[in-house]
Amino acid sequence: MLGFLPDDPVILAIVAVLLALVFFFYLLLRRTVLEFRDGMGR
């Protein structure tokens, strides 16, 4: 399953950081949208 990953640790670190950033932005946007909906509902 992990055979497609490169052996270079630098590339692995960059990919891990990019995934973490995408996940962080997803949580931030989701929380903002939920709070915005909650505010509009009142």
Protein backbone atom coordinates (compact mmCIF):
# COMPACT_ATOMS: atom_id res chain seq x y z
CA MET A 1 0.00 0.00 0.00
CA LEU A 2 2.86 2.38 0.80
CA GLY A 3 4.94 1.31 -2.17
CA PHE A 4 4.13 4.46 -4.16
CA LEU A 5 5.72 6.74 -1.54
CA PRO A 6 9.23 8.03 -2.38
CA ASP A 7 12.19 7.06 -0.22
CA ASP A 8 13.28 10.67 0.22
CA PRO A 9 12.41 11.81 3.78
CA VAL A 10 12.30 15.44 2.64
CA ILE A 11 9.50 14.73 0.19
CA LEU A 12 7.64 12.75 2.85
CA ALA A 13 7.96 15.67 5.27
CA ILE A 14 6.67 18.14 2.67
CA VAL A 15 3.70 15.91 1.87
CA ALA A 16 2.91 15.51 5.58
CA VAL A 17 3.01 19.28 6.12
CA LEU A 18 0.77 19.90 3.11
CA LEU A 19 -1.76 17.34 4.35
CA ALA A 20 -1.74 18.93 7.80
CA LEU A 21 -2.33 22.39 6.30
CA VAL A 22 -5.21 21.13 4.15
CA PHE A 23 -6.78 19.44 7.19
CA PHE A 24 -6.34 22.58 9.32
CA PHE A 25 -7.93 24.83 6.69
CA TYR A 26 -10.80 22.35 6.29
CA LEU A 27 -11.54 22.45 10.03
CA LEU A 28 -11.24 26.25 10.08
CA LEU A 29 -13.61 26.72 7.14
CA ARG A 30 -16.07 24.17 8.53
CA ARG A 31 -16.18 25.90 11.91
CA THR A 32 -16.59 29.31 10.28
CA VAL A 33 -19.45 28.10 8.07
CA LEU A 34 -21.21 26.44 11.01
CA GLU A 35 -20.89 29.58 13.15
CA PHE A 36 -22.10 31.72 10.26
CA ARG A 37 -25.15 29.47 9.78
CA ASP A 38 -25.84 29.54 13.51
CA GLY A 39 -25.64 33.32 13.51
CA MET A 40 -27.95 33.62 10.50
CA GLY A 41 -30.50 31.31 12.11
CA ARG A 42 -31.09 33.55 15.10
